[in-house]
Structures are given as structure tokens and as C-alpha cells.
């Protein structure tokens, strides 16, 4: 019988080491770089779209009809949820503050605490939570559906810029509605706190009204509306970016909507911390 020798295993440059191991180790070392490049590419694409939006707003014709339509849509879906959300928040804050102030014998300053909490935190945050949760998600779903139907590609073929026609009106509509909704929410929060403090905790009405401007001035009010504008602008840019870059069919649209909510809320809290810190330092 003739003995047939088994083929020797393939080796790389180092003896006794399979060739596949070297390629596997290279791909393993390449994975972290690829994982880091993907989010960086997304961030770069987002800021590129934001820059294109600013350029389109300043240099091209504005789509007024689309802007009015989007403003009415966001206002219709945001006003009632905003009112229903801000009143409980304001009442809870007023209740806790009144207990603390009563313990130190300063219940007449209830209005100052209610105004400070509502205008600096509750109002802007409630506004963007409603705008981001209702208006921004609907805009993302609409743009995502247009993207997977290749409507945006068709617009580009016809020489129509989707940024100018679709993105700019939606971003400005969310920004304007966040600004206007902040006014309504702040008024509703202060009025709700007044009725709760006077009727439930028996605070003197005149003392509540007189102390409203004790801690709140023009600078704090301007900071409140600046927060609302920045929140609305961030929510609009995130929603439009996720909508026009969606992929993967209908499931991808659903994932983009979910990501819009998460990223909007994360951006809300980051911007809130930064603007509050800068504003407090500037008003000292």
C-alpha cells in the first residue's frame, strides 16, 4: 500500500500559524476604527445639512406655502398636549416650593418660586418635549416616506433642491412654534400655579402676584425664549436629517422616528445645561 501524506496546513510568515488567523487579526483591529468612523460620519453629515439649510435660507427663494402649512400642522398637534403637560409640572413645583417656604415663614414668596421654575425650566422643556414628540416625529416620518419612495431623487432630477423646498420650511416651522408655544405654556403654568397656591395652599393672592417679579427680570425672560428657539431649531434639524437619510424601507422609517425622539431629548438636555450655565454666569 502507498501511504498518502496529508496536505500540510497553510501557514503565514510565522511558522505554525494559519494564514486565516493573520487576516482575522487584521479585521479585528480594523473594526474599532470602522465603529468610530460611522458616528463621526453621521455627525459630519448632520452639520453639513445644517449648513446647507442656512445657505438655502439666505440665498434661495423661500417656500412660504409649505412653511404656513407646516406651522399650522405643528400648532394643531402641539397646543393641547403642551397645556395638559405643563399644568401638572407647574403645580407639582409650586406645591413643593410652598411647603418649603411655609416651613421658613416665607409663604408670600410663592409667586417668585413659581415664576422662576416655570419660565426657566418647565416652560421651555415642556415646549420642546411636545414639539419634538409630536411635530418632529411626524415630519421625520413624512420625509422618510418621501425618501424611500425616491421622491427626493426625483426632485433633484427636476432641478428642485429638497433642502430649500422641504427642509427649510419645516425647520423654521418647528422653531417658530417652539417660540410661540413657550409663551402659551409659561402663561398656563403661572396661572395654574396661582390657582393651586391660592385655593389649595391658601396663599394670599396679592402676595403671590406681587412676588412674581422678585426673581424674574428681563434677562431671565429673554433666556427662557432663547432656550425655546434653540430647542425648536435642534428638533427641526434632527427630524429633517433623519428623514432625508433614512434607509431600509418602512422599517427604516420607523427606526428613524424612534431615533428622532431619542436624539431630540438628548439634545434638549445638553442645550439646557449649556444655556442655563452660560445664562446664569452672564446675568450675575
Protein backbone atom coordinates (compact mmCIF):
# COMPACT_ATOMS: atom_id res chain seq x y z
CA UNK A 1 0.00 0.00 0.00
CA UNK A 2 1.14 3.55 -0.80
CA UNK A 3 0.78 5.98 2.05
CA UNK A 4 -0.78 9.27 1.05
CA UNK A 5 0.58 12.17 3.03
CA UNK A 6 -1.97 14.66 4.37
CA UNK A 7 -1.53 18.19 2.97
CA UNK A 8 0.39 20.49 5.25
CA UNK A 9 -1.67 23.33 6.76
CA UNK A 10 -1.24 26.71 5.16
CA UNK A 11 0.99 28.93 7.20
CA UNK A 12 1.65 32.60 7.19
CA UNK A 13 5.03 34.24 7.51
CA UNK A 14 5.41 32.83 11.03
CA UNK A 15 5.77 29.06 11.20
CA UNK A 16 2.88 27.06 12.56
CA UNK A 17 0.35 29.89 12.34
CA UNK A 18 -2.63 29.52 9.96
CA UNK A 19 -2.93 32.10 7.23
CA UNK A 20 -6.54 32.86 8.13
CA UNK A 21 -5.52 33.97 11.60
CA UNK A 22 -3.50 36.88 10.27
CA UNK A 23 -6.42 38.19 8.20
CA UNK A 24 -8.75 37.69 11.13
CA UNK A 25 -6.48 39.68 13.41
CA UNK A 26 -6.26 42.49 10.85
CA UNK A 27 -10.04 42.66 10.53
CA UNK A 28 -10.37 42.57 14.31
CA UNK A 29 -8.04 45.55 14.61
CA UNK A 30 -9.92 47.35 11.84
CA UNK A 31 -13.33 47.00 13.49
CA UNK A 32 -12.84 49.67 16.21
CA UNK A 33 -11.76 52.22 13.60
CA UNK A 34 -14.81 51.44 11.48
CA UNK A 35 -17.11 51.64 14.50
CA UNK A 36 -15.69 55.05 15.35
CA UNK A 37 -15.88 56.33 11.77
CA UNK A 38 -19.60 55.67 11.39
CA UNK A 39 -20.87 58.03 14.13
CA UNK A 40 -18.32 60.67 13.12
CA UNK A 41 -19.57 60.46 9.54
CA UNK A 42 -23.15 60.86 10.76
CA UNK A 43 -22.24 63.94 12.81
CA UNK A 44 -20.43 65.45 9.86
CA UNK A 45 -23.39 64.79 7.56
CA UNK A 46 -25.74 66.38 10.08
CA UNK A 47 -23.71 69.58 10.30
CA UNK A 48 -23.35 69.64 6.51
CA UNK A 49 -27.14 69.52 6.18
CA UNK A 50 -27.50 72.26 8.81
CA UNK A 51 -25.06 74.44 6.84
CA UNK A 52 -26.94 73.75 3.60
CA UNK A 53 -30.16 74.75 5.35
CA UNK A 54 -28.67 78.07 6.47
CA UNK A 55 -27.30 78.77 2.99
CA UNK A 56 -30.63 77.89 1.33
CA UNK A 57 -32.48 80.17 3.74
CA UNK A 58 -30.24 83.10 2.89
CA UNK A 59 -29.74 82.65 -0.86
CA UNK A 60 -32.76 80.93 -2.39
CA UNK A 61 -36.47 81.56 -2.68
CA UNK A 62 -38.43 80.74 0.44
CA UNK A 63 -41.31 78.22 0.24
CA UNK A 64 -43.97 80.28 2.04
CA UNK A 65 -46.88 77.97 1.35
CA UNK A 66 -45.10 74.92 2.77
CA UNK A 67 -43.98 76.98 5.76
CA UNK A 68 -47.53 78.07 6.60
CA UNK A 69 -48.83 74.53 6.18
CA UNK A 70 -46.19 73.10 8.49
CA UNK A 71 -46.73 75.85 11.09
CA UNK A 72 -50.44 75.10 11.23
CA UNK A 73 -49.81 71.36 11.45
CA UNK A 74 -47.33 71.66 14.34
CA UNK A 75 -49.56 74.13 16.20
CA UNK A 76 -52.58 71.86 15.79
CA UNK A 77 -50.85 68.83 17.29
CA UNK A 78 -48.86 70.65 19.99
CA UNK A 79 -51.02 73.23 21.78
CA UNK A 80 -53.36 70.94 23.69
CA UNK A 81 -50.68 68.40 24.75
CA UNK A 82 -48.45 71.28 25.80
CA UNK A 83 -51.13 72.74 28.06
CA UNK A 84 -52.00 69.36 29.53
CA UNK A 85 -48.33 68.66 30.24
CA UNK A 86 -47.22 71.96 31.73
CA UNK A 87 -50.03 72.44 34.27
CA UNK A 88 -49.20 69.29 36.31
CA UNK A 89 -45.49 70.07 36.22
CA UNK A 90 -46.03 73.64 37.41
CA UNK A 91 -48.47 72.57 40.12
CA UNK A 92 -46.04 69.97 41.48
CA UNK A 93 -43.21 72.52 41.60
CA UNK A 94 -45.46 75.08 43.30
CA UNK A 95 -46.65 72.51 45.83
CA UNK A 96 -43.10 71.55 46.84
CA UNK A 97 -41.91 75.16 46.99
CA UNK A 98 -44.88 76.27 49.07
CA UNK A 99 -44.20 73.55 51.63
CA UNK A 100 -40.58 74.69 51.92
CA UNK A 101 -41.46 78.38 52.08
CA UNK A 102 -44.15 77.76 54.70
CA UNK A 103 -41.59 75.99 56.89
CA UNK A 104 -39.34 79.08 56.91
CA UNK A 105 -42.22 81.56 57.17
CA UNK A 106 -41.93 82.95 53.62
CA UNK A 107 -45.14 81.68 52.03
CA UNK A 108 -45.71 85.11 50.44
CA UNK A 109 -42.80 84.38 48.06
CA UNK A 110 -44.68 81.53 46.44
CA UNK A 111 -45.16 83.51 43.23
CA UNK A 112 -41.42 84.12 42.86
CA UNK A 113 -40.65 80.40 43.01
CA UNK A 114 -43.46 79.51 40.63
CA UNK A 115 -42.39 82.12 38.07
CA UNK A 116 -38.72 81.14 38.29
CA UNK A 117 -39.40 77.42 37.87
CA UNK A 118 -41.92 77.87 35.06
CA UNK A 119 -40.00 80.38 32.94
CA UNK A 120 -36.52 78.94 33.33
CA UNK A 121 -37.18 75.19 33.18
CA UNK A 122 -40.76 73.94 32.91
CA UNK A 123 -41.88 76.17 30.03
CA UNK A 124 -39.03 75.66 27.54
CA UNK A 125 -38.58 71.97 28.35
CA UNK A 126 -42.30 71.21 28.07
CA UNK A 127 -42.47 73.10 24.78
CA UNK A 128 -39.71 71.11 23.12
CA UNK A 129 -40.91 67.80 24.57
CA UNK A 130 -44.27 68.36 22.91
CA UNK A 131 -42.85 69.82 19.70
CA UNK A 132 -40.23 67.08 19.44
CA UNK A 133 -42.58 64.26 20.39
CA UNK A 134 -45.48 65.31 18.16
CA UNK A 135 -44.33 67.64 15.39
CA UNK A 136 -40.75 66.48 14.79
CA UNK A 137 -41.64 62.79 14.61
CA UNK A 138 -44.42 63.46 12.12
CA UNK A 139 -42.03 65.49 9.95
CA UNK A 140 -39.43 62.73 10.12
CA UNK A 141 -42.00 60.13 9.08
CA UNK A 142 -43.20 62.30 6.18
CA UNK A 143 -39.69 62.96 4.85
CA UNK A 144 -38.71 59.33 5.41
CA UNK A 145 -41.67 58.11 3.37
CA UNK A 146 -40.75 60.52 0.59
CA UNK A 147 -37.14 59.30 0.70
CA UNK A 148 -37.92 55.58 0.37
CA UNK A 149 -40.35 56.39 -2.48
CA UNK A 150 -37.43 58.20 -4.17
CA UNK A 151 -39.38 61.46 -4.35
CA UNK A 152 -36.33 63.43 -3.19
CA UNK A 153 -34.25 61.91 -6.00
CA UNK A 154 -36.96 62.83 -8.48
CA UNK A 155 -36.92 66.42 -7.19
CA UNK A 156 -33.16 66.59 -7.69
CA UNK A 157 -33.51 65.28 -11.25
CA UNK A 158 -36.03 68.05 -11.97
CA UNK A 159 -33.63 70.65 -10.56
CA UNK A 160 -35.52 71.24 -7.29
CA UNK A 161 -33.45 71.40 -4.14
CA UNK A 162 -35.11 69.28 -1.38
CA UNK A 163 -33.30 71.31 1.29
CA UNK A 164 -34.85 74.54 0.03
CA UNK A 165 -38.30 73.12 -0.71
CA UNK A 166 -38.80 70.69 2.21
CA UNK A 167 -36.19 71.09 4.96
CA UNK A 168 -36.04 74.88 5.40
CA UNK A 169 -39.83 75.38 5.89
CA UNK A 170 -40.02 72.52 8.39
CA UNK A 171 -37.06 73.67 10.47
CA UNK A 172 -38.38 77.24 10.65
CA UNK A 173 -41.90 75.99 11.43
CA UNK A 174 -40.68 73.95 14.40
CA UNK A 175 -38.53 76.85 15.64
CA UNK A 176 -41.38 79.36 15.42
CA UNK A 177 -43.87 77.01 17.05
CA UNK A 178 -41.47 76.26 19.91
CA UNK A 179 -41.12 80.01 20.49
CA UNK A 180 -44.86 80.67 20.41
CA UNK A 181 -45.79 77.55 22.35
CA UNK A 182 -43.32 78.57 25.06
CA UNK A 183 -45.35 81.75 25.63
CA UNK A 184 -48.61 79.84 25.98
CA UNK A 185 -47.06 77.19 28.20
CA UNK A 186 -45.45 79.74 30.54
CA UNK A 187 -48.69 81.68 30.95
CA UNK A 188 -50.65 78.48 31.58
CA UNK A 189 -48.06 77.30 34.10
CA UNK A 190 -48.07 80.53 36.10
CA UNK A 191 -51.88 80.74 36.07
CA UNK A 192 -52.22 77.11 37.15
CA UNK A 193 -49.71 77.65 39.94
CA UNK A 194 -51.64 80.73 41.08
CA UNK A 195 -54.96 78.93 41.39
CA UNK A 196 -53.38 75.96 43.13
CA UNK A 197 -51.42 78.08 45.61
CA UNK A 198 -54.38 80.35 46.41
CA UNK A 199 -57.17 77.78 46.55
CA UNK A 200 -55.35 74.74 47.91
CA UNK A 201 -52.44 76.06 49.96
CA UNK A 202 -54.19 79.31 50.99
CA UNK A 203 -51.51 81.72 49.80
CA UNK A 204 -52.61 85.37 49.71
CA UNK A 205 -53.46 86.30 46.09
CA UNK A 206 -51.91 89.75 46.31
CA UNK A 207 -48.67 88.41 47.78
CA UNK A 208 -48.42 85.76 45.06
CA UNK A 209 -48.88 88.32 42.29
CA UNK A 210 -46.56 90.86 43.89
CA UNK A 211 -43.68 88.39 44.21
CA UNK A 212 -43.78 87.19 40.58
CA UNK A 213 -41.06 89.65 39.54
CA UNK A 214 -38.87 89.20 42.62
CA UNK A 215 -36.53 86.71 40.96
CA UNK A 216 -37.57 87.10 37.32
CA UNK A 217 -36.46 90.02 35.19
CA UNK A 218 -35.91 90.87 31.54
CA UNK A 219 -32.70 88.85 31.26
CA UNK A 220 -34.32 85.68 32.62
CA UNK A 221 -37.28 86.10 30.28
CA UNK A 222 -35.01 86.57 27.26
CA UNK A 223 -33.05 83.46 28.30
CA UNK A 224 -36.31 81.49 28.52
CA UNK A 225 -37.29 82.32 24.95
CA UNK A 226 -33.74 81.80 23.71
CA UNK A 227 -33.89 78.27 25.07
CA UNK A 228 -37.19 77.63 23.29
CA UNK A 229 -35.75 78.87 19.97
CA UNK A 230 -32.63 76.73 20.26
CA UNK A 231 -34.67 73.68 21.30
CA UNK A 232 -37.03 74.06 18.34
CA UNK A 233 -34.15 74.60 15.90
CA UNK A 234 -32.34 71.48 17.12
CA UNK A 235 -35.52 69.39 16.96
CA UNK A 236 -36.24 70.53 13.41
CA UNK A 237 -32.73 69.83 12.14
CA UNK A 238 -32.62 66.38 13.75
CA UNK A 239 -36.05 65.41 12.40
CA UNK A 240 -35.24 66.54 8.86
CA UNK A 241 -31.82 64.90 8.85
CA UNK A 242 -33.16 61.54 10.00
CA UNK A 243 -35.96 61.80 7.45
CA UNK A 244 -33.86 62.54 4.37
CA UNK A 245 -31.14 59.99 5.23
CA UNK A 246 -33.44 57.08 6.06
CA UNK A 247 -32.81 53.67 4.54
CA UNK A 248 -34.12 50.13 4.82
CA UNK A 249 -37.71 50.59 3.71
CA UNK A 250 -40.68 51.04 6.05
CA UNK A 251 -38.79 49.52 8.97
CA UNK A 252 -36.07 52.10 8.47
CA UNK A 253 -38.65 54.88 8.67
CA UNK A 254 -39.90 53.55 11.99
CA UNK A 255 -36.36 53.35 13.32
CA UNK A 256 -35.65 56.90 12.16
CA UNK A 257 -38.73 58.19 14.00
CA UNK A 258 -37.63 56.48 17.21
CA UNK A 259 -34.12 57.86 16.84
CA UNK A 260 -35.55 61.33 16.28
CA UNK A 261 -37.29 61.24 19.66
CA UNK A 262 -34.20 59.99 21.48
CA UNK A 263 -31.75 62.39 19.84
CA UNK A 264 -34.10 65.35 20.29
CA UNK A 265 -34.49 64.72 24.01
CA UNK A 266 -30.73 64.22 24.45
CA UNK A 267 -30.06 67.47 22.58
CA UNK A 268 -32.70 69.18 24.75
CA UNK A 269 -30.95 68.34 27.99
CA UNK A 270 -27.46 69.14 26.65
CA UNK A 271 -28.57 72.54 25.33
CA UNK A 272 -30.50 73.22 28.54
CA UNK A 273 -27.43 72.63 30.70
CA UNK A 274 -25.16 74.74 28.48
CA UNK A 275 -27.56 77.67 28.04
CA UNK A 276 -28.54 77.68 31.71
CA UNK A 277 -24.90 77.72 32.79
CA UNK A 278 -23.95 80.47 30.36
CA UNK A 279 -27.08 82.49 31.20
CA UNK A 280 -26.58 82.29 34.95
CA UNK A 281 -22.97 83.36 34.57
CA UNK A 282 -23.90 86.26 32.27
CA UNK A 283 -26.69 87.63 34.48
CA UNK A 284 -24.66 87.75 37.70
